[in-house]
Amino acid sequence: MKQLVVKEFDFRVFGESYERIYKCLTMIDEKDLWRTPGENIPTIGNMILHLCGNARQWILSGIGGRPDNRDRDQEFVIQTNIKKAELVFLLENMRVNLRQTLDDMDEDQLRTAYKIQGFDVTGFSVIIHVIEHFSYHTGQITTLTKWLTSKDTSYYGGIDLNRQNNLN
């Protein structure tokens, strides 16, 4: 079961979300990293900081047992001194740490009960949470990128998404 869950995490987070976030970062100008259409809409930079903070708290601390030193409110402070390259570094560092924690995780940790951010969860639900959290905010990053650039991201370029399932 662990191998299946970790494989799906790799595909959904690193194969889909990371690649889409990186594509969005290549499409926007440095000055747009901290731009927002409204005060209640986080910037692309803030969402990347938030994704790293969430994954650190839920997986590295929750499952991995590392100290929980997250300052969630700080993730939403606009920090124009942080550049795209630094956010990529944070994401890549997070990838290495997530990969190590998931590799070190044993089957029992998927069933283990944790209390994270006040929520009672299992290791399995922790991983599902981080997958869906990445997906959710990657969609927001995509929408902001389209708003900032007026361009399509072409995530599915060359793939016919109108094909019907073949159930035979």
N, C-alpha and C. Protein backbone atom coordinates (compact mmCIF):
# COMPACT_ATOMS: atom_id res chain seq x y z
N MET A 1 0.82 -1.20 0.00
CA MET A 1 0.00 0.00 0.00
C MET A 1 0.87 1.26 0.00
N LYS A 2 1.94 1.24 0.79
CA LYS A 2 2.81 2.42 0.87
C LYS A 2 3.34 2.79 -0.51
N GLN A 3 3.82 1.80 -1.25
CA GLN A 3 4.38 2.08 -2.57
C GLN A 3 3.35 2.72 -3.50
N LEU A 4 2.12 2.25 -3.45
CA LEU A 4 1.05 2.80 -4.27
C LEU A 4 0.76 4.25 -3.90
N VAL A 5 0.68 4.53 -2.61
CA VAL A 5 0.39 5.89 -2.13
C VAL A 5 1.53 6.84 -2.49
N VAL A 6 2.76 6.41 -2.27
CA VAL A 6 3.91 7.26 -2.58
C VAL A 6 4.02 7.49 -4.08
N LYS A 7 3.75 6.46 -4.87
CA LYS A 7 3.79 6.62 -6.33
C LYS A 7 2.75 7.64 -6.78
N GLU A 8 1.56 7.58 -6.23
CA GLU A 8 0.51 8.55 -6.59
C GLU A 8 0.88 9.96 -6.13
N PHE A 9 1.47 10.07 -4.95
CA PHE A 9 1.94 11.38 -4.46
C PHE A 9 2.97 11.95 -5.43
N ASP A 10 3.93 11.13 -5.83
CA ASP A 10 4.95 11.57 -6.78
C ASP A 10 4.32 12.10 -8.06
N PHE A 11 3.37 11.33 -8.59
CA PHE A 11 2.72 11.72 -9.84
C PHE A 11 1.93 13.02 -9.68
N ARG A 12 1.07 13.08 -8.67
CA ARG A 12 0.18 14.23 -8.50
C ARG A 12 0.90 15.49 -8.05
N VAL A 13 1.84 15.37 -7.12
CA VAL A 13 2.52 16.56 -6.61
C VAL A 13 3.71 16.93 -7.49
N PHE A 14 4.64 16.01 -7.67
CA PHE A 14 5.85 16.35 -8.42
C PHE A 14 5.64 16.33 -9.93
N GLY A 15 4.85 15.37 -10.42
CA GLY A 15 4.63 15.26 -11.86
C GLY A 15 3.63 16.26 -12.41
N GLU A 16 2.60 16.57 -11.63
CA GLU A 16 1.58 17.51 -12.11
C GLU A 16 1.77 18.90 -11.50
N SER A 17 1.57 19.02 -10.20
CA SER A 17 1.58 20.36 -9.58
C SER A 17 2.91 21.07 -9.75
N TYR A 18 4.01 20.43 -9.41
CA TYR A 18 5.31 21.08 -9.53
C TYR A 18 5.55 21.54 -10.97
N GLU A 19 5.30 20.65 -11.92
CA GLU A 19 5.55 21.01 -13.32
C GLU A 19 4.68 22.18 -13.76
N ARG A 20 3.45 22.22 -13.31
CA ARG A 20 2.56 23.33 -13.67
C ARG A 20 2.99 24.62 -12.98
N ILE A 21 3.39 24.54 -11.74
CA ILE A 21 3.88 25.73 -11.03
C ILE A 21 5.12 26.26 -11.75
N TYR A 22 6.03 25.38 -12.11
CA TYR A 22 7.24 25.81 -12.81
C TYR A 22 6.91 26.44 -14.16
N LYS A 23 5.95 25.87 -14.87
CA LYS A 23 5.55 26.46 -16.15
C LYS A 23 5.00 27.86 -15.93
N CYS A 24 4.16 28.03 -14.91
CA CYS A 24 3.60 29.35 -14.61
C CYS A 24 4.72 30.33 -14.26
N LEU A 25 5.70 29.89 -13.49
CA LEU A 25 6.80 30.78 -13.14
C LEU A 25 7.57 31.24 -14.36
N THR A 26 7.69 30.37 -15.38
CA THR A 26 8.40 30.78 -16.60
C THR A 26 7.57 31.76 -17.42
N MET A 27 6.26 31.73 -17.24
CA MET A 27 5.38 32.58 -18.04
C MET A 27 5.23 34.00 -17.48
N ILE A 28 5.49 34.18 -16.19
CA ILE A 28 5.28 35.50 -15.59
C ILE A 28 6.60 36.25 -15.43
N ASP A 29 6.49 37.56 -15.37
CA ASP A 29 7.65 38.41 -15.10
C ASP A 29 7.92 38.41 -13.60
N GLU A 30 9.15 38.68 -13.25
CA GLU A 30 9.55 38.74 -11.84
C GLU A 30 8.65 39.68 -11.04
N LYS A 31 8.30 40.81 -11.63
CA LYS A 31 7.47 41.81 -10.93
C LYS A 31 6.06 41.31 -10.65
N ASP A 32 5.62 40.31 -11.40
CA ASP A 32 4.26 39.79 -11.24
C ASP A 32 4.14 38.72 -10.15
N LEU A 33 5.26 38.27 -9.64
CA LEU A 33 5.28 37.23 -8.62
C LEU A 33 4.48 37.62 -7.38
N TRP A 34 4.48 38.90 -7.06
CA TRP A 34 3.83 39.39 -5.83
C TRP A 34 2.64 40.29 -6.15
N ARG A 35 2.08 40.14 -7.34
CA ARG A 35 0.94 40.96 -7.77
C ARG A 35 -0.36 40.19 -7.59
N THR A 36 -1.42 40.90 -7.20
CA THR A 36 -2.71 40.26 -6.97
C THR A 36 -3.83 41.15 -7.48
N PRO A 37 -4.92 40.55 -7.95
CA PRO A 37 -6.06 41.35 -8.40
C PRO A 37 -6.92 41.88 -7.25
N GLY A 38 -6.66 41.45 -6.02
CA GLY A 38 -7.45 41.91 -4.89
C GLY A 38 -6.80 41.54 -3.57
N GLU A 39 -7.09 42.30 -2.54
CA GLU A 39 -6.41 42.11 -1.26
C GLU A 39 -6.68 40.76 -0.60
N ASN A 40 -7.74 40.09 -0.96
CA ASN A 40 -8.05 38.78 -0.39
C ASN A 40 -7.61 37.62 -1.28
N ILE A 41 -6.85 37.92 -2.32
CA ILE A 41 -6.36 36.89 -3.23
C ILE A 41 -4.84 36.83 -3.08
N PRO A 42 -4.32 35.70 -2.59
CA PRO A 42 -2.87 35.61 -2.41
C PRO A 42 -2.13 35.66 -3.74
N THR A 43 -0.91 36.15 -3.70
CA THR A 43 -0.06 36.22 -4.89
C THR A 43 0.50 34.82 -5.19
N ILE A 44 1.09 34.67 -6.36
CA ILE A 44 1.74 33.41 -6.72
C ILE A 44 2.86 33.12 -5.73
N GLY A 45 3.65 34.12 -5.40
CA GLY A 45 4.73 33.94 -4.44
C GLY A 45 4.21 33.46 -3.09
N ASN A 46 3.13 34.08 -2.61
CA ASN A 46 2.56 33.67 -1.33
C ASN A 46 2.03 32.25 -1.37
N MET A 47 1.43 31.86 -2.48
CA MET A 47 0.90 30.50 -2.57
C MET A 47 2.01 29.46 -2.55
N ILE A 48 3.15 29.78 -3.15
CA ILE A 48 4.27 28.84 -3.12
C ILE A 48 4.81 28.73 -1.69
N LEU A 49 4.95 29.86 -1.01
CA LEU A 49 5.39 29.83 0.39
C LEU A 49 4.40 29.02 1.23
N HIS A 50 3.12 29.21 0.96
CA HIS A 50 2.06 28.51 1.69
C HIS A 50 2.09 27.00 1.42
N LEU A 51 2.29 26.61 0.17
CA LEU A 51 2.38 25.18 -0.15
C LEU A 51 3.55 24.52 0.58
N CYS A 52 4.68 25.20 0.61
CA CYS A 52 5.85 24.65 1.31
C CYS A 52 5.59 24.57 2.81
N GLY A 53 4.97 25.59 3.38
CA GLY A 53 4.66 25.58 4.81
C GLY A 53 3.70 24.47 5.17
N ASN A 54 2.69 24.27 4.35
CA ASN A 54 1.70 23.23 4.59
C ASN A 54 2.33 21.84 4.50
N ALA A 55 3.10 21.60 3.45
CA ALA A 55 3.74 20.29 3.28
C ALA A 55 4.73 20.02 4.40
N ARG A 56 5.44 21.05 4.83
CA ARG A 56 6.39 20.90 5.94
C ARG A 56 5.65 20.49 7.21
N GLN A 57 4.54 21.20 7.51
CA GLN A 57 3.80 20.92 8.73
C GLN A 57 3.13 19.53 8.69
N TRP A 58 2.49 19.23 7.59
CA TRP A 58 1.70 18.00 7.53
C TRP A 58 2.54 16.75 7.32
N ILE A 59 3.54 16.80 6.45
CA ILE A 59 4.31 15.59 6.17
C ILE A 59 5.63 15.56 6.94
N LEU A 60 6.45 16.59 6.79
CA LEU A 60 7.77 16.55 7.44
C LEU A 60 7.64 16.51 8.95
N SER A 61 6.73 17.33 9.50
CA SER A 61 6.54 17.34 10.94
C SER A 61 5.56 16.26 11.37
N GLY A 62 4.39 16.20 10.72
CA GLY A 62 3.35 15.26 11.12
C GLY A 62 3.79 13.82 11.03
N ILE A 63 4.19 13.39 9.84
CA ILE A 63 4.62 12.00 9.65
C ILE A 63 6.08 11.82 10.01
N GLY A 64 6.91 12.79 9.61
CA GLY A 64 8.36 12.67 9.79
C GLY A 64 8.87 12.99 11.17
N GLY A 65 8.04 13.61 12.01
CA GLY A 65 8.45 13.89 13.38
C GLY A 65 9.38 15.07 13.56
N ARG A 66 9.59 15.85 12.51
CA ARG A 66 10.43 17.04 12.65
C ARG A 66 9.67 18.11 13.42
N PRO A 67 10.39 19.07 14.00
CA PRO A 67 9.70 20.13 14.76
C PRO A 67 8.73 20.91 13.87
N ASP A 68 7.61 21.30 14.44
CA ASP A 68 6.60 22.10 13.73
C ASP A 68 6.86 23.56 14.08
N ASN A 69 7.56 24.24 13.20
CA ASN A 69 7.89 25.66 13.42
C ASN A 69 7.20 26.56 12.40
N ARG A 70 6.07 26.12 11.90
CA ARG A 70 5.37 26.88 10.86
C ARG A 70 4.75 28.15 11.41
N ASP A 71 4.92 29.24 10.64
CA ASP A 71 4.26 30.51 10.92
C ASP A 71 3.35 30.79 9.72
N ARG A 72 2.16 30.22 9.74
CA ARG A 72 1.24 30.26 8.59
C ARG A 72 0.93 31.68 8.15
N ASP A 73 0.70 32.59 9.09
CA ASP A 73 0.37 33.97 8.72
C ASP A 73 1.49 34.62 7.90
N GLN A 74 2.74 34.29 8.20
CA GLN A 74 3.87 34.87 7.49
C GLN A 74 3.90 34.44 6.02
N GLU A 75 3.31 33.29 5.71
CA GLU A 75 3.27 32.81 4.33
C GLU A 75 2.46 33.73 3.43
N PHE A 76 1.61 34.55 4.01
CA PHE A 76 0.73 35.42 3.23
C PHE A 76 1.17 36.89 3.24
N VAL A 77 2.34 37.15 3.80
CA VAL A 77 2.90 38.50 3.77
C VAL A 77 3.64 38.66 2.44
N ILE A 78 3.36 39.73 1.72
CA ILE A 78 4.03 39.97 0.44
C ILE A 78 5.50 40.27 0.70
N GLN A 79 6.37 39.50 0.02
CA GLN A 79 7.81 39.60 0.27
C GLN A 79 8.53 39.80 -1.06
N THR A 80 8.49 41.02 -1.56
CA THR A 80 9.05 41.32 -2.88
C THR A 80 10.55 41.08 -2.97
N ASN A 81 11.21 40.90 -1.84
CA ASN A 81 12.65 40.60 -1.87
C ASN A 81 12.92 39.15 -2.27
N ILE A 82 11.91 38.30 -2.22
CA ILE A 82 12.07 36.90 -2.63
C ILE A 82 11.81 36.79 -4.12
N LYS A 83 12.77 36.24 -4.84
CA LYS A 83 12.69 36.12 -6.30
C LYS A 83 12.25 34.72 -6.72
N LYS A 84 11.91 34.59 -8.00
CA LYS A 84 11.46 33.30 -8.53
C LYS A 84 12.49 32.19 -8.27
N ALA A 85 13.75 32.48 -8.49
CA ALA A 85 14.79 31.46 -8.30
C ALA A 85 14.82 30.96 -6.86
N GLU A 86 14.56 31.83 -5.91
CA GLU A 86 14.54 31.42 -4.51
C GLU A 86 13.32 30.54 -4.20
N LEU A 87 12.20 30.84 -4.84
CA LEU A 87 11.02 30.00 -4.65
C LEU A 87 11.22 28.62 -5.28
N VAL A 88 11.89 28.57 -6.41
CA VAL A 88 12.22 27.29 -7.03
C VAL A 88 13.14 26.50 -6.10
N PHE A 89 14.11 27.18 -5.50
CA PHE A 89 14.99 26.52 -4.54
C PHE A 89 14.19 25.95 -3.37
N LEU A 90 13.24 26.72 -2.84
CA LEU A 90 12.40 26.24 -1.73
C LEU A 90 11.61 25.00 -2.15
N LEU A 91 11.03 25.05 -3.35
CA LEU A 91 10.26 23.91 -3.84
C LEU A 91 11.15 22.67 -4.02
N GLU A 92 12.34 22.86 -4.55
CA GLU A 92 13.23 21.73 -4.77
C GLU A 92 13.74 21.17 -3.44
N ASN A 93 14.02 22.03 -2.49
CA ASN A 93 14.40 21.58 -1.16
C ASN A 93 13.25 20.79 -0.52
N MET A 94 12.04 21.30 -0.71
CA MET A 94 10.87 20.60 -0.19
C MET A 94 10.73 19.23 -0.86
N ARG A 95 10.97 19.16 -2.16
CA ARG A 95 10.89 17.88 -2.88
C ARG A 95 11.84 16.85 -2.26
N VAL A 96 13.07 17.26 -2.02
CA VAL A 96 14.07 16.36 -1.44
C VAL A 96 13.62 15.88 -0.06
N ASN A 97 13.14 16.81 0.77
CA ASN A 97 12.72 16.45 2.13
C ASN A 97 11.45 15.60 2.14
N LEU A 98 10.51 15.92 1.27
CA LEU A 98 9.30 15.09 1.16
C LEU A 98 9.65 13.69 0.69
N ARG A 99 10.48 13.61 -0.34
CA ARG A 99 10.90 12.32 -0.88
C ARG A 99 11.55 11.47 0.22
N GLN A 100 12.44 12.07 1.00
CA GLN A 100 13.13 11.34 2.07
C GLN A 100 12.15 10.87 3.14
N THR A 101 11.25 11.76 3.54
CA THR A 101 10.27 11.40 4.58
C THR A 101 9.35 10.28 4.11
N LEU A 102 8.88 10.38 2.87
CA LEU A 102 8.00 9.33 2.34
C LEU A 102 8.75 8.02 2.14
N ASP A 103 10.01 8.09 1.73
CA ASP A 103 10.81 6.87 1.58
C ASP A 103 11.04 6.20 2.94
N ASP A 104 11.25 7.01 3.98
CA ASP A 104 11.50 6.48 5.33
C ASP A 104 10.24 6.00 6.03
N MET A 105 9.09 6.43 5.55
CA MET A 105 7.81 6.07 6.17
C MET A 105 7.57 4.57 6.02
N ASP A 106 7.02 3.96 7.07
CA ASP A 106 6.66 2.54 6.96
C ASP A 106 5.15 2.40 6.84
N GLU A 107 4.71 1.20 6.55
CA GLU A 107 3.28 0.92 6.34
C GLU A 107 2.44 1.36 7.54
N ASP A 108 2.95 1.13 8.74
CA ASP A 108 2.19 1.47 9.94
C ASP A 108 1.90 2.97 10.04
N GLN A 109 2.81 3.78 9.54
CA GLN A 109 2.60 5.23 9.62
C GLN A 109 1.43 5.70 8.77
N LEU A 110 1.02 4.92 7.79
CA LEU A 110 -0.18 5.26 7.01
C LEU A 110 -1.44 5.14 7.86
N ARG A 111 -1.40 4.23 8.83
CA ARG A 111 -2.56 4.00 9.71
C ARG A 111 -2.45 4.76 11.03
N THR A 112 -1.29 5.28 11.33
CA THR A 112 -1.06 5.97 12.60
C THR A 112 -1.92 7.22 12.69
N ALA A 113 -2.42 7.51 13.89
CA ALA A 113 -3.22 8.73 14.13
C ALA A 113 -2.29 9.88 14.49
N TYR A 114 -2.56 11.03 13.88
CA TYR A 114 -1.79 12.26 14.13
C TYR A 114 -2.77 13.38 14.44
N LYS A 115 -2.29 14.40 15.13
CA LYS A 115 -3.06 15.62 15.33
C LYS A 115 -2.24 16.74 14.68
N ILE A 116 -2.75 17.27 13.58
CA ILE A 116 -2.03 18.28 12.81
C ILE A 116 -2.95 19.48 12.61
N GLN A 117 -2.47 20.64 12.97
CA GLN A 117 -3.26 21.87 12.85
C GLN A 117 -4.61 21.74 13.56
N GLY A 118 -4.64 20.92 14.58
CA GLY A 118 -5.88 20.71 15.32
C GLY A 118 -6.78 19.63 14.75
N PHE A 119 -6.39 19.02 13.65
CA PHE A 119 -7.21 17.98 13.01
C PHE A 119 -6.70 16.59 13.39
N ASP A 120 -7.62 15.68 13.67
CA ASP A 120 -7.28 14.28 13.91
C ASP A 120 -7.27 13.56 12.58
N VAL A 121 -6.11 13.06 12.19
CA VAL A 121 -5.93 12.47 10.86
C VAL A 121 -5.07 11.21 10.97
N THR A 122 -5.08 10.42 9.90
CA THR A 122 -4.16 9.29 9.77
C THR A 122 -3.05 9.69 8.80
N GLY A 123 -2.00 8.89 8.78
CA GLY A 123 -0.92 9.16 7.83
C GLY A 123 -1.43 9.15 6.39
N PHE A 124 -2.35 8.23 6.10
CA PHE A 124 -2.93 8.18 4.76
C PHE A 124 -3.65 9.48 4.42
N SER A 125 -4.46 9.99 5.36
CA SER A 125 -5.19 11.23 5.08
C SER A 125 -4.26 12.43 5.01
N VAL A 126 -3.13 12.38 5.71
CA VAL A 126 -2.12 13.44 5.61
C VAL A 126 -1.62 13.54 4.17
N ILE A 127 -1.30 12.41 3.59
CA ILE A 127 -0.78 12.40 2.22
C ILE A 127 -1.85 12.86 1.23
N ILE A 128 -3.07 12.40 1.41
CA ILE A 128 -4.16 12.83 0.53
C ILE A 128 -4.36 14.33 0.67
N HIS A 129 -4.33 14.84 1.89
CA HIS A 129 -4.49 16.28 2.12
C HIS A 129 -3.44 17.08 1.35
N VAL A 130 -2.18 16.68 1.43
CA VAL A 130 -1.12 17.44 0.76
C VAL A 130 -1.28 17.36 -0.75
N ILE A 131 -1.69 16.21 -1.27
CA ILE A 131 -1.94 16.09 -2.72
C ILE A 131 -3.03 17.08 -3.13
N GLU A 132 -4.16 17.06 -2.43
CA GLU A 132 -5.27 17.93 -2.83
C GLU A 132 -4.94 19.39 -2.57
N HIS A 133 -4.17 19.68 -1.56
CA HIS A 133 -3.78 21.05 -1.26
C HIS A 133 -2.90 21.61 -2.38
N PHE A 134 -1.96 20.81 -2.85
CA PHE A 134 -1.13 21.22 -3.98
C PHE A 134 -1.99 21.44 -5.23
N SER A 135 -2.91 20.53 -5.48
CA SER A 135 -3.76 20.65 -6.65
C SER A 135 -4.60 21.92 -6.61
N TYR A 136 -5.19 22.17 -5.47
CA TYR A 136 -6.05 23.35 -5.28
C TYR A 136 -5.29 24.64 -5.56
N HIS A 137 -4.14 24.80 -4.91
CA HIS A 137 -3.39 26.04 -5.07
C HIS A 137 -2.68 26.12 -6.42
N THR A 138 -2.36 24.98 -7.01
CA THR A 138 -1.80 25.01 -8.37
C THR A 138 -2.83 25.57 -9.34
N GLY A 139 -4.09 25.23 -9.13
CA GLY A 139 -5.16 25.81 -9.95
C GLY A 139 -5.25 27.31 -9.77
N GLN A 140 -5.08 27.78 -8.54
CA GLN A 140 -5.10 29.23 -8.30
C GLN A 140 -3.90 29.91 -8.96
N ILE A 141 -2.74 29.28 -8.86
CA ILE A 141 -1.54 29.82 -9.50
C ILE A 141 -1.74 29.89 -11.01
N THR A 142 -2.37 28.87 -11.57
CA THR A 142 -2.66 28.84 -13.01
C THR A 142 -3.61 29.98 -13.38
N THR A 143 -4.66 30.18 -12.60
CA THR A 143 -5.61 31.26 -12.89
C THR A 143 -4.93 32.61 -12.82
N LEU A 144 -4.11 32.83 -11.81
CA LEU A 144 -3.38 34.11 -11.71
C LEU A 144 -2.42 34.29 -12.89
N THR A 145 -1.78 33.21 -13.30
CA THR A 145 -0.86 33.30 -14.44
C THR A 145 -1.61 33.69 -15.70
N LYS A 146 -2.77 33.09 -15.92
CA LYS A 146 -3.57 33.45 -17.09
C LYS A 146 -4.04 34.89 -17.00
N TRP A 147 -4.39 35.35 -15.80
CA TRP A 147 -4.82 36.74 -15.60
C TRP A 147 -3.66 37.70 -15.88
N LEU A 148 -2.47 37.35 -15.42
CA LEU A 148 -1.31 38.23 -15.57
C LEU A 148 -0.79 38.26 -17.01
N THR A 149 -0.89 37.15 -17.72
CA THR A 149 -0.26 37.05 -19.04
C THR A 149 -1.25 37.05 -20.21
N SER A 150 -2.51 36.78 -19.93
CA SER A 150 -3.52 36.59 -20.98
C SER A 150 -3.13 35.47 -21.94
N LYS A 151 -2.44 34.45 -21.42
CA LYS A 151 -2.01 33.32 -22.23
C LYS A 151 -2.53 32.02 -21.64
N ASP A 152 -2.70 31.03 -22.52
CA ASP A 152 -3.08 29.69 -22.10
C ASP A 152 -1.83 28.94 -21.64
N THR A 153 -1.96 28.14 -20.62
CA THR A 153 -0.82 27.37 -20.13
C THR A 153 -0.53 26.14 -20.97
N SER A 154 -1.49 25.69 -21.76
CA SER A 154 -1.33 24.52 -22.64
C SER A 154 -0.82 23.29 -21.90
N TYR A 155 -1.33 23.06 -20.71
CA TYR A 155 -0.91 21.88 -19.95
C TYR A 155 -1.17 20.59 -20.72
N TYR A 156 -2.24 20.57 -21.49
CA TYR A 156 -2.61 19.36 -22.20
C TYR A 156 -2.38 19.49 -23.70
N GLY A 157 -1.46 20.33 -24.08
CA GLY A 157 -1.15 20.52 -25.49
C GLY A 157 -0.82 19.20 -26.17
N GLY A 158 -1.47 18.93 -27.27
CA GLY A 158 -1.22 17.71 -28.02
C GLY A 158 -1.99 16.49 -27.53
N ILE A 159 -2.78 16.64 -26.49
CA ILE A 159 -3.57 15.52 -25.98
C ILE A 159 -5.04 15.78 -26.26
N ASP A 160 -5.71 14.81 -26.85
CA ASP A 160 -7.14 14.95 -27.13
C ASP A 160 -7.92 14.58 -25.88
N LEU A 161 -8.39 15.56 -25.17
CA LEU A 161 -9.13 15.33 -23.92
C LEU A 161 -10.59 14.98 -24.17
N ASN A 162 -11.00 14.94 -25.42
CA ASN A 162 -12.38 14.58 -25.75
C ASN A 162 -12.54 13.10 -26.09
N ARG A 163 -11.47 12.34 -25.97
CA ARG A 163 -11.56 10.90 -26.24
C ARG A 163 -12.47 10.23 -25.24
N GLN A 164 -13.20 9.25 -25.70
CA GLN A 164 -14.09 8.48 -24.85
C GLN A 164 -13.32 7.31 -24.23
N ASN A 165 -13.75 6.92 -23.03
CA ASN A 165 -13.16 5.76 -22.38
C ASN A 165 -13.50 4.50 -23.15
N ASN A 166 -12.55 3.61 -23.26
CA ASN A 166 -12.77 2.33 -23.90
C ASN A 166 -12.91 1.30 -22.77
N LEU A 167 -14.13 0.88 -22.50
CA LEU A 167 -14.39 -0.02 -21.37
C LEU A 167 -14.27 -1.49 -21.74
N ASN A 168 -13.94 -1.80 -22.97
CA ASN A 168 -13.82 -3.21 -23.39
C ASN A 168 -12.47 -3.76 -23.06
